[in-house]
All heavy atoms as atom14 arrays in JSON, in Angstrom:
{
  "sequence": "DRIAIDNNSIHTTTTWYNIPEIKNFLIFEEINLGSLIEMELLQF",
  "atom14_mask": [
    [1, 1, 1, 1, 1, 1, 1, 1, 0, 0, 0, 0, 0, 0],
    [1, 1, 1, 1, 1, 1, 1, 1, 1, 1, 1, 0, 0, 0],
    [1, 1, 1, 1, 1, 1, 1, 1, 0, 0, 0, 0, 0, 0],
    [1, 1, 1, 1, 1, 0, 0, 0, 0, 0, 0, 0, 0, 0],
    [1, 1, 1, 1, 1, 1, 1, 1, 0, 0, 0, 0, 0, 0],
    [1, 1, 1, 1, 1, 1, 1, 1, 0, 0, 0, 0, 0, 0],
    [1, 1, 1, 1, 1, 1, 1, 1, 0, 0, 0, 0, 0, 0],
    [1, 1, 1, 1, 1, 1, 1, 1, 0, 0, 0, 0, 0, 0],
    [1, 1, 1, 1, 1, 1, 0, 0, 0, 0, 0, 0, 0, 0],
    [1, 1, 1, 1, 1, 1, 1, 1, 0, 0, 0, 0, 0, 0],
    [1, 1, 1, 1, 1, 1, 1, 1, 1, 1, 0, 0, 0, 0],
    [1, 1, 1, 1, 1, 1, 1, 0, 0, 0, 0, 0, 0, 0],
    [1, 1, 1, 1, 1, 1, 1, 0, 0, 0, 0, 0, 0, 0],
    [1, 1, 1, 1, 1, 1, 1, 0, 0, 0, 0, 0, 0, 0],
    [1, 1, 1, 1, 1, 1, 1, 0, 0, 0, 0, 0, 0, 0],
    [1, 1, 1, 1, 1, 1, 1, 1, 1, 1, 1, 1, 1, 1],
    [1, 1, 1, 1, 1, 1, 1, 1, 1, 1, 1, 1, 0, 0],
    [1, 1, 1, 1, 1, 1, 1, 1, 0, 0, 0, 0, 0, 0],
    [1, 1, 1, 1, 1, 1, 1, 1, 0, 0, 0, 0, 0, 0],
    [1, 1, 1, 1, 1, 1, 1, 0, 0, 0, 0, 0, 0, 0],
    [1, 1, 1, 1, 1, 1, 1, 1, 1, 0, 0, 0, 0, 0],
    [1, 1, 1, 1, 1, 1, 1, 1, 0, 0, 0, 0, 0, 0],
    [1, 1, 1, 1, 1, 1, 1, 1, 1, 0, 0, 0, 0, 0],
    [1, 1, 1, 1, 1, 1, 1, 1, 0, 0, 0, 0, 0, 0],
    [1, 1, 1, 1, 1, 1, 1, 1, 1, 1, 1, 0, 0, 0],
    [1, 1, 1, 1, 1, 1, 1, 1, 0, 0, 0, 0, 0, 0],
    [1, 1, 1, 1, 1, 1, 1, 1, 0, 0, 0, 0, 0, 0],
    [1, 1, 1, 1, 1, 1, 1, 1, 1, 1, 1, 0, 0, 0],
    [1, 1, 1, 1, 1, 1, 1, 1, 1, 0, 0, 0, 0, 0],
    [1, 1, 1, 1, 1, 1, 1, 1, 1, 0, 0, 0, 0, 0],
    [1, 1, 1, 1, 1, 1, 1, 1, 0, 0, 0, 0, 0, 0],
    [1, 1, 1, 1, 1, 1, 1, 1, 0, 0, 0, 0, 0, 0],
    [1, 1, 1, 1, 1, 1, 1, 1, 0, 0, 0, 0, 0, 0],
    [1, 1, 1, 1, 0, 0, 0, 0, 0, 0, 0, 0, 0, 0],
    [1, 1, 1, 1, 1, 1, 0, 0, 0, 0, 0, 0, 0, 0],
    [1, 1, 1, 1, 1, 1, 1, 1, 0, 0, 0, 0, 0, 0],
    [1, 1, 1, 1, 1, 1, 1, 1, 0, 0, 0, 0, 0, 0],
    [1, 1, 1, 1, 1, 1, 1, 1, 1, 0, 0, 0, 0, 0],
    [1, 1, 1, 1, 1, 1, 1, 1, 0, 0, 0, 0, 0, 0],
    [1, 1, 1, 1, 1, 1, 1, 1, 1, 0, 0, 0, 0, 0],
    [1, 1, 1, 1, 1, 1, 1, 1, 0, 0, 0, 0, 0, 0],
    [1, 1, 1, 1, 1, 1, 1, 1, 0, 0, 0, 0, 0, 0],
    [1, 1, 1, 1, 1, 1, 1, 1, 1, 0, 0, 0, 0, 0],
    [1, 1, 1, 1, 1, 1, 1, 1, 1, 1, 1, 0, 0, 0]
  ],
  "atom14_positions": [
    [[0.85, -1.28, 0.01], [-0.04, 0.02, -0.05], [0.82, 1.24, 0.01], [0.62, 2.22, -0.82], [-0.87, 0.02, 1.26], [-1.93, -1.09, 1.18], [-2.42, -1.38, 0.23], [-2.08, -1.63, 2.34], [0.0, 0.0, 0.0], [0.0, 0.0, 0.0], [0.0, 0.0, 0.0], [0.0, 0.0, 0.0], [0.0, 0.0, 0.0], [0.0, 0.0, 0.0]],
    [[1.93, 1.36, 0.83], [2.87, 2.39, 0.88], [3.58, 2.64, -0.37], [3.62, 3.74, -0.8], [3.93, 2.09, 2.04], [3.31, 2.04, 3.39], [4.3, 1.7, 4.54], [3.71, 1.51, 5.75], [3.44, 2.44, 6.7], [3.7, 3.74, 6.28], [2.88, 2.33, 7.83], [0.0, 0.0, 0.0], [0.0, 0.0, 0.0], [0.0, 0.0, 0.0]],
    [[4.03, 1.6, -1.04], [4.61, 1.67, -2.32], [3.58, 2.31, -3.47], [3.97, 3.13, -4.2], [5.22, 0.23, -2.78], [6.33, -0.05, -1.92], [5.77, 0.47, -4.2], [6.77, -1.42, -2.0], [0.0, 0.0, 0.0], [0.0, 0.0, 0.0], [0.0, 0.0, 0.0], [0.0, 0.0, 0.0], [0.0, 0.0, 0.0], [0.0, 0.0, 0.0]],
    [[2.38, 1.82, -3.36], [1.41, 2.26, -4.31], [1.08, 3.78, -4.14], [0.98, 4.49, -5.06], [0.14, 1.38, -4.21], [0.0, 0.0, 0.0], [0.0, 0.0, 0.0], [0.0, 0.0, 0.0], [0.0, 0.0, 0.0], [0.0, 0.0, 0.0], [0.0, 0.0, 0.0], [0.0, 0.0, 0.0], [0.0, 0.0, 0.0], [0.0, 0.0, 0.0]],
    [[0.94, 4.11, -2.93], [0.72, 5.57, -2.56], [1.79, 6.41, -3.23], [1.54, 7.36, -3.84], [0.71, 5.82, -1.01], [-0.66, 5.18, -0.53], [0.57, 7.32, -0.71], [-0.73, 5.17, 1.05], [0.0, 0.0, 0.0], [0.0, 0.0, 0.0], [0.0, 0.0, 0.0], [0.0, 0.0, 0.0], [0.0, 0.0, 0.0], [0.0, 0.0, 0.0]],
    [[3.09, 6.06, -2.89], [4.18, 6.81, -3.47], [4.25, 6.86, -4.93], [4.45, 8.0, -5.58], [5.47, 6.3, -2.85], [5.66, 6.67, -1.37], [4.83, 7.25, -0.79], [6.76, 6.33, -0.85], [0.0, 0.0, 0.0], [0.0, 0.0, 0.0], [0.0, 0.0, 0.0], [0.0, 0.0, 0.0], [0.0, 0.0, 0.0], [0.0, 0.0, 0.0]],
    [[4.01, 5.64, -5.51], [4.06, 5.55, -6.96], [3.12, 6.4, -7.66], [3.21, 7.01, -8.65], [4.13, 4.21, -7.37], [5.53, 3.41, -7.1], [6.4, 3.96, -6.84], [5.35, 2.15, -7.14], [0.0, 0.0, 0.0], [0.0, 0.0, 0.0], [0.0, 0.0, 0.0], [0.0, 0.0, 0.0], [0.0, 0.0, 0.0], [0.0, 0.0, 0.0]],
    [[1.81, 6.26, -7.16], [0.66, 6.94, -7.78], [0.76, 8.46, -7.55], [0.54, 9.41, -8.5], [-0.65, 6.56, -7.01], [-1.03, 5.2, -7.52], [-0.92, 4.82, -8.77], [-1.71, 4.63, -6.68], [0.0, 0.0, 0.0], [0.0, 0.0, 0.0], [0.0, 0.0, 0.0], [0.0, 0.0, 0.0], [0.0, 0.0, 0.0], [0.0, 0.0, 0.0]],
    [[1.34, 8.84, -6.49], [1.63, 10.32, -6.15], [2.67, 10.93, -7.19], [2.47, 12.02, -7.79], [2.11, 10.47, -4.73], [1.15, 10.04, -3.84], [0.0, 0.0, 0.0], [0.0, 0.0, 0.0], [0.0, 0.0, 0.0], [0.0, 0.0, 0.0], [0.0, 0.0, 0.0], [0.0, 0.0, 0.0], [0.0, 0.0, 0.0], [0.0, 0.0, 0.0]],
    [[3.78, 10.12, -7.37], [4.87, 10.5, -8.22], [4.32, 10.66, -9.59], [4.57, 11.65, -10.38], [6.09, 9.56, -8.12], [6.68, 9.77, -6.73], [7.07, 9.95, -9.29], [7.91, 8.83, -6.4], [0.0, 0.0, 0.0], [0.0, 0.0, 0.0], [0.0, 0.0, 0.0], [0.0, 0.0, 0.0], [0.0, 0.0, 0.0], [0.0, 0.0, 0.0]],
    [[3.73, 9.67, -10.05], [3.17, 9.59, -11.44], [2.14, 10.76, -11.67], [2.32, 11.54, -12.65], [2.31, 8.2, -11.6], [1.63, 8.2, -12.97], [2.36, 7.93, -14.13], [0.35, 8.42, -13.35], [1.53, 7.91, -15.26], [0.33, 8.12, -14.78], [0.0, 0.0, 0.0], [0.0, 0.0, 0.0], [0.0, 0.0, 0.0], [0.0, 0.0, 0.0]],
    [[1.25, 11.0, -10.64], [0.4, 12.11, -10.85], [0.99, 13.54, -10.96], [0.69, 14.27, -11.77], [-0.75, 12.16, -9.77], [-1.42, 10.83, -9.79], [-1.72, 13.24, -10.01], [0.0, 0.0, 0.0], [0.0, 0.0, 0.0], [0.0, 0.0, 0.0], [0.0, 0.0, 0.0], [0.0, 0.0, 0.0], [0.0, 0.0, 0.0], [0.0, 0.0, 0.0]],
    [[1.92, 13.58, -10.02], [2.78, 14.9, -9.94], [3.48, 15.28, -11.23], [3.44, 16.39, -11.63], [3.73, 14.79, -8.77], [3.19, 14.56, -7.52], [4.58, 16.05, -8.67], [0.0, 0.0, 0.0], [0.0, 0.0, 0.0], [0.0, 0.0, 0.0], [0.0, 0.0, 0.0], [0.0, 0.0, 0.0], [0.0, 0.0, 0.0], [0.0, 0.0, 0.0]],
    [[3.95, 14.32, -12.0], [4.72, 14.42, -13.17], [4.01, 14.35, -14.46], [4.65, 14.55, -15.47], [6.01, 13.55, -13.13], [5.53, 12.07, -13.07], [7.01, 13.72, -11.9], [0.0, 0.0, 0.0], [0.0, 0.0, 0.0], [0.0, 0.0, 0.0], [0.0, 0.0, 0.0], [0.0, 0.0, 0.0], [0.0, 0.0, 0.0], [0.0, 0.0, 0.0]],
    [[2.73, 13.94, -14.36], [2.03, 13.76, -15.69], [0.77, 14.43, -15.83], [0.34, 14.78, -16.91], [1.67, 12.19, -15.82], [0.86, 11.76, -14.81], [2.96, 11.36, -15.8], [0.0, 0.0, 0.0], [0.0, 0.0, 0.0], [0.0, 0.0, 0.0], [0.0, 0.0, 0.0], [0.0, 0.0, 0.0], [0.0, 0.0, 0.0], [0.0, 0.0, 0.0]],
    [[0.16, 15.06, -14.59], [-1.23, 15.61, -14.79], [-1.31, 16.85, -15.77], [-2.2, 16.98, -16.45], [-1.8, 16.08, -13.38], [-1.08, 17.24, -12.86], [-0.03, 17.42, -12.16], [-1.65, 18.7, -13.02], [0.22, 18.69, -11.92], [-0.73, 19.47, -12.34], [-2.75, 19.17, -13.71], [-0.89, 20.85, -12.44], [-2.77, 20.56, -13.69], [-2.04, 21.4, -13.03]],
    [[-0.14, 17.44, -15.75], [-0.25, 18.71, -16.59], [0.23, 18.48, -18.06], [0.11, 19.34, -18.8], [0.86, 19.68, -16.11], [2.32, 19.19, -15.8], [3.25, 19.03, -16.95], [2.71, 18.72, -14.62], [4.37, 18.51, -16.71], [3.92, 18.19, -14.24], [4.75, 18.14, -15.51], [6.01, 17.59, -15.26], [0.0, 0.0, 0.0], [0.0, 0.0, 0.0]],
    [[0.48, 17.22, -18.37], [0.63, 16.86, -19.77], [-0.32, 16.14, -20.49], [-0.26, 15.62, -21.65], [2.1, 16.01, -19.89], [3.35, 16.88, -19.92], [3.17, 17.88, -20.56], [4.35, 16.42, -19.28], [0.0, 0.0, 0.0], [0.0, 0.0, 0.0], [0.0, 0.0, 0.0], [0.0, 0.0, 0.0], [0.0, 0.0, 0.0], [0.0, 0.0, 0.0]],
    [[-1.43, 15.96, -19.88], [-2.72, 15.33, -20.32], [-3.06, 16.15, -21.38], [-3.16, 17.45, -21.39], [-3.83, 15.16, -19.23], [-3.27, 14.36, -18.11], [-5.02, 14.47, -19.97], [-2.85, 13.0, -18.33], [0.0, 0.0, 0.0], [0.0, 0.0, 0.0], [0.0, 0.0, 0.0], [0.0, 0.0, 0.0], [0.0, 0.0, 0.0], [0.0, 0.0, 0.0]],
    [[-3.45, 15.73, -22.78], [-3.53, 16.52, -23.92], [-4.62, 17.51, -23.77], [-4.38, 18.73, -24.19], [-4.02, 15.48, -24.93], [-3.23, 14.26, -24.56], [-3.31, 14.19, -23.06], [0.0, 0.0, 0.0], [0.0, 0.0, 0.0], [0.0, 0.0, 0.0], [0.0, 0.0, 0.0], [0.0, 0.0, 0.0], [0.0, 0.0, 0.0], [0.0, 0.0, 0.0]],
    [[-5.85, 17.35, -23.08], [-6.88, 18.29, -23.05], [-6.58, 19.32, -21.95], [-7.12, 20.36, -21.9], [-8.22, 17.54, -22.65], [-8.2, 16.69, -21.43], [-7.91, 15.31, -21.57], [-7.11, 14.97, -22.59], [-8.47, 14.47, -20.95], [0.0, 0.0, 0.0], [0.0, 0.0, 0.0], [0.0, 0.0, 0.0], [0.0, 0.0, 0.0], [0.0, 0.0, 0.0]],
    [[-5.54, 19.05, -21.23], [-5.14, 19.98, -20.11], [-3.85, 20.83, -20.54], [-3.77, 22.11, -20.14], [-4.84, 19.38, -18.77], [-6.2, 18.65, -18.18], [-4.2, 20.23, -17.69], [-6.07, 17.84, -17.11], [0.0, 0.0, 0.0], [0.0, 0.0, 0.0], [0.0, 0.0, 0.0], [0.0, 0.0, 0.0], [0.0, 0.0, 0.0], [0.0, 0.0, 0.0]],
    [[-2.85, 20.16, -21.16], [-1.75, 20.76, -21.44], [-1.68, 22.14, -22.24], [-1.0, 23.05, -21.83], [-0.81, 19.79, -22.28], [0.65, 20.28, -22.74], [1.34, 19.16, -23.55], [2.73, 19.66, -23.83], [3.46, 18.66, -24.48], [0.0, 0.0, 0.0], [0.0, 0.0, 0.0], [0.0, 0.0, 0.0], [0.0, 0.0, 0.0], [0.0, 0.0, 0.0]],
    [[-2.54, 22.28, -23.16], [-2.66, 23.53, -24.01], [-2.92, 24.74, -23.19], [-2.6, 25.9, -23.52], [-3.57, 23.36, -25.13], [-3.2, 22.43, -26.2], [-1.93, 22.15, -26.31], [-4.04, 21.73, -26.9], [0.0, 0.0, 0.0], [0.0, 0.0, 0.0], [0.0, 0.0, 0.0], [0.0, 0.0, 0.0], [0.0, 0.0, 0.0], [0.0, 0.0, 0.0]],
    [[-3.62, 24.5, -22.1], [-4.07, 25.57, -21.2], [-2.84, 26.13, -20.33], [-2.86, 27.31, -19.75], [-5.16, 25.28, -20.29], [-6.47, 25.05, -20.98], [-6.97, 23.74, -21.2], [-7.27, 26.06, -21.33], [-8.2, 23.58, -21.74], [-8.53, 25.96, -22.0], [-8.88, 24.54, -22.12], [0.0, 0.0, 0.0], [0.0, 0.0, 0.0], [0.0, 0.0, 0.0]],
    [[-1.78, 25.25, -20.25], [-0.74, 25.56, -19.35], [0.52, 26.05, -19.98], [1.55, 26.39, -19.17], [-0.46, 24.36, -18.51], [-1.61, 23.86, -17.54], [-1.35, 22.56, -16.95], [-1.92, 24.87, -16.55], [0.0, 0.0, 0.0], [0.0, 0.0, 0.0], [0.0, 0.0, 0.0], [0.0, 0.0, 0.0], [0.0, 0.0, 0.0], [0.0, 0.0, 0.0]],
    [[0.6, 26.02, -21.21], [1.9, 26.47, -21.96], [1.95, 27.99, -22.08], [1.05, 28.61, -22.44], [2.07, 25.82, -23.43], [1.92, 24.33, -23.23], [3.27, 26.29, -23.97], [3.04, 23.7, -22.49], [0.0, 0.0, 0.0], [0.0, 0.0, 0.0], [0.0, 0.0, 0.0], [0.0, 0.0, 0.0], [0.0, 0.0, 0.0], [0.0, 0.0, 0.0]],
    [[3.07, 28.49, -21.44], [3.44, 29.85, -21.58], [4.89, 30.05, -21.8], [5.71, 29.61, -21.11], [3.01, 30.6, -20.26], [3.31, 32.1, -20.45], [2.54, 32.93, -21.02], [4.31, 32.71, -19.71], [2.7, 34.32, -21.1], [4.57, 34.02, -19.8], [3.81, 34.85, -20.47], [0.0, 0.0, 0.0], [0.0, 0.0, 0.0], [0.0, 0.0, 0.0]],
    [[5.24, 30.78, -22.98], [6.73, 30.94, -23.32], [7.35, 29.73, -23.41], [8.4, 29.53, -23.02], [7.41, 31.89, -22.44], [6.92, 33.34, -22.38], [7.27, 34.17, -23.42], [8.39, 34.13, -23.81], [6.58, 34.96, -23.87], [0.0, 0.0, 0.0], [0.0, 0.0, 0.0], [0.0, 0.0, 0.0], [0.0, 0.0, 0.0], [0.0, 0.0, 0.0]],
    [[6.6, 28.69, -23.99], [7.16, 27.3, -24.2], [7.37, 26.49, -22.96], [8.12, 25.46, -23.02], [8.38, 27.36, -25.09], [8.2, 27.93, -26.49], [9.56, 28.11, -27.25], [10.37, 27.19, -26.9], [9.72, 28.95, -27.97], [0.0, 0.0, 0.0], [0.0, 0.0, 0.0], [0.0, 0.0, 0.0], [0.0, 0.0, 0.0], [0.0, 0.0, 0.0]],
    [[6.98, 27.0, -21.84], [7.2, 26.48, -20.53], [5.77, 25.84, -20.06], [4.77, 26.63, -20.0], [7.68, 27.42, -19.55], [9.12, 27.91, -19.88], [7.78, 26.81, -18.2], [9.62, 28.92, -19.07], [0.0, 0.0, 0.0], [0.0, 0.0, 0.0], [0.0, 0.0, 0.0], [0.0, 0.0, 0.0], [0.0, 0.0, 0.0], [0.0, 0.0, 0.0]],
    [[5.75, 24.64, -19.63], [4.54, 24.11, -18.96], [4.45, 24.57, -17.55], [5.25, 24.08, -16.74], [4.48, 22.55, -19.12], [3.12, 22.01, -18.68], [2.52, 22.44, -17.83], [2.57, 21.05, -19.57], [0.0, 0.0, 0.0], [0.0, 0.0, 0.0], [0.0, 0.0, 0.0], [0.0, 0.0, 0.0], [0.0, 0.0, 0.0], [0.0, 0.0, 0.0]],
    [[3.57, 25.4, -17.21], [3.52, 25.91, -15.86], [3.31, 24.87, -14.8], [3.81, 25.09, -13.59], [2.26, 27.13, -15.81], [2.5, 28.19, -16.78], [1.15, 29.03, -16.55], [3.67, 28.96, -16.5], [0.0, 0.0, 0.0], [0.0, 0.0, 0.0], [0.0, 0.0, 0.0], [0.0, 0.0, 0.0], [0.0, 0.0, 0.0], [0.0, 0.0, 0.0]],
    [[2.63, 23.77, -15.19], [2.55, 22.68, -14.21], [3.83, 21.97, -13.74], [3.9, 21.42, -12.57], [0.0, 0.0, 0.0], [0.0, 0.0, 0.0], [0.0, 0.0, 0.0], [0.0, 0.0, 0.0], [0.0, 0.0, 0.0], [0.0, 0.0, 0.0], [0.0, 0.0, 0.0], [0.0, 0.0, 0.0], [0.0, 0.0, 0.0], [0.0, 0.0, 0.0]],
    [[4.77, 21.99, -14.6], [6.08, 21.38, -14.29], [6.86, 22.16, -13.24], [7.86, 21.59, -12.69], [6.89, 21.29, -15.62], [7.26, 22.5, -16.1], [0.0, 0.0, 0.0], [0.0, 0.0, 0.0], [0.0, 0.0, 0.0], [0.0, 0.0, 0.0], [0.0, 0.0, 0.0], [0.0, 0.0, 0.0], [0.0, 0.0, 0.0], [0.0, 0.0, 0.0]],
    [[6.59, 23.46, -12.97], [7.29, 24.27, -12.1], [7.16, 24.12, -10.65], [7.96, 24.37, -9.9], [7.03, 25.82, -12.56], [7.21, 26.22, -13.94], [6.72, 27.62, -14.19], [8.8, 26.19, -14.26], [0.0, 0.0, 0.0], [0.0, 0.0, 0.0], [0.0, 0.0, 0.0], [0.0, 0.0, 0.0], [0.0, 0.0, 0.0], [0.0, 0.0, 0.0]],
    [[6.03, 23.4, -10.24], [5.67, 23.26, -8.84], [5.62, 21.78, -8.49], [5.14, 21.46, -7.44], [4.49, 24.02, -8.49], [3.19, 23.52, -9.24], [4.65, 25.45, -8.57], [1.94, 24.03, -8.74], [0.0, 0.0, 0.0], [0.0, 0.0, 0.0], [0.0, 0.0, 0.0], [0.0, 0.0, 0.0], [0.0, 0.0, 0.0], [0.0, 0.0, 0.0]],
    [[6.36, 20.93, -9.26], [6.43, 19.47, -8.88], [6.85, 19.21, -7.41], [6.35, 18.43, -6.79], [7.21, 18.77, -9.91], [6.62, 18.62, -11.33], [7.58, 17.89, -12.15], [8.8, 17.76, -11.8], [7.08, 17.25, -13.25], [0.0, 0.0, 0.0], [0.0, 0.0, 0.0], [0.0, 0.0, 0.0], [0.0, 0.0, 0.0], [0.0, 0.0, 0.0]],
    [[7.87, 19.89, -7.03], [8.57, 19.56, -5.67], [7.38, 19.7, -4.57], [7.37, 18.88, -3.7], [9.6, 20.48, -5.33], [10.32, 20.21, -4.07], [11.82, 21.3, -3.82], [11.07, 22.87, -3.7], [0.0, 0.0, 0.0], [0.0, 0.0, 0.0], [0.0, 0.0, 0.0], [0.0, 0.0, 0.0], [0.0, 0.0, 0.0], [0.0, 0.0, 0.0]],
    [[6.55, 20.75, -4.62], [5.67, 20.97, -3.66], [4.23, 20.03, -3.91], [3.74, 19.72, -2.85], [5.2, 22.38, -3.61], [6.26, 23.37, -3.1], [5.83, 24.9, -3.13], [5.13, 25.18, -2.14], [6.13, 25.58, -4.1], [0.0, 0.0, 0.0], [0.0, 0.0, 0.0], [0.0, 0.0, 0.0], [0.0, 0.0, 0.0], [0.0, 0.0, 0.0]],
    [[3.88, 19.87, -5.16], [2.76, 19.13, -5.36], [2.91, 17.67, -4.98], [1.92, 17.08, -4.65], [2.49, 19.11, -6.98], [1.64, 20.45, -7.41], [1.28, 20.21, -8.69], [0.42, 20.62, -6.56], [0.0, 0.0, 0.0], [0.0, 0.0, 0.0], [0.0, 0.0, 0.0], [0.0, 0.0, 0.0], [0.0, 0.0, 0.0], [0.0, 0.0, 0.0]],
    [[4.2, 17.16, -4.95], [4.34, 15.75, -4.46], [3.65, 15.43, -3.08], [2.98, 14.55, -2.8], [5.74, 15.39, -4.56], [6.08, 13.93, -4.15], [5.36, 12.81, -4.93], [7.58, 13.68, -3.97], [0.0, 0.0, 0.0], [0.0, 0.0, 0.0], [0.0, 0.0, 0.0], [0.0, 0.0, 0.0], [0.0, 0.0, 0.0], [0.0, 0.0, 0.0]],
    [[4.07, 16.47, -2.15], [3.69, 16.23, -0.76], [2.06, 16.5, -0.82], [1.49, 15.75, -0.09], [4.23, 17.34, 0.0], [5.76, 17.08, 0.21], [6.43, 18.18, 0.96], [5.67, 18.98, 1.7], [7.68, 18.41, 0.86], [0.0, 0.0, 0.0], [0.0, 0.0, 0.0], [0.0, 0.0, 0.0], [0.0, 0.0, 0.0], [0.0, 0.0, 0.0]],
    [[1.5, 17.31, -1.63], [0.1, 17.5, -1.7], [-0.67, 16.25, -2.09], [-1.59, 15.8, -1.58], [-0.17, 18.66, -2.69], [-1.67, 19.02, -2.72], [-2.19, 19.96, -1.97], [-2.39, 18.39, -3.84], [-3.58, 20.31, -2.0], [-3.75, 18.74, -3.99], [-4.39, 19.71, -3.1], [0.0, 0.0, 0.0], [0.0, 0.0, 0.0], [0.0, 0.0, 0.0]]
  ]
}
């Protein structure tokens, strides 16, 4: 269970902002804004 929690959290933290229907809303100056706060979102 502990491994699953960590793996799901890491996967979600590093992929949610790249989902096709979401990604286009987050690109600014060729930077995906969602990728900038990964360190904090992992704990969330």
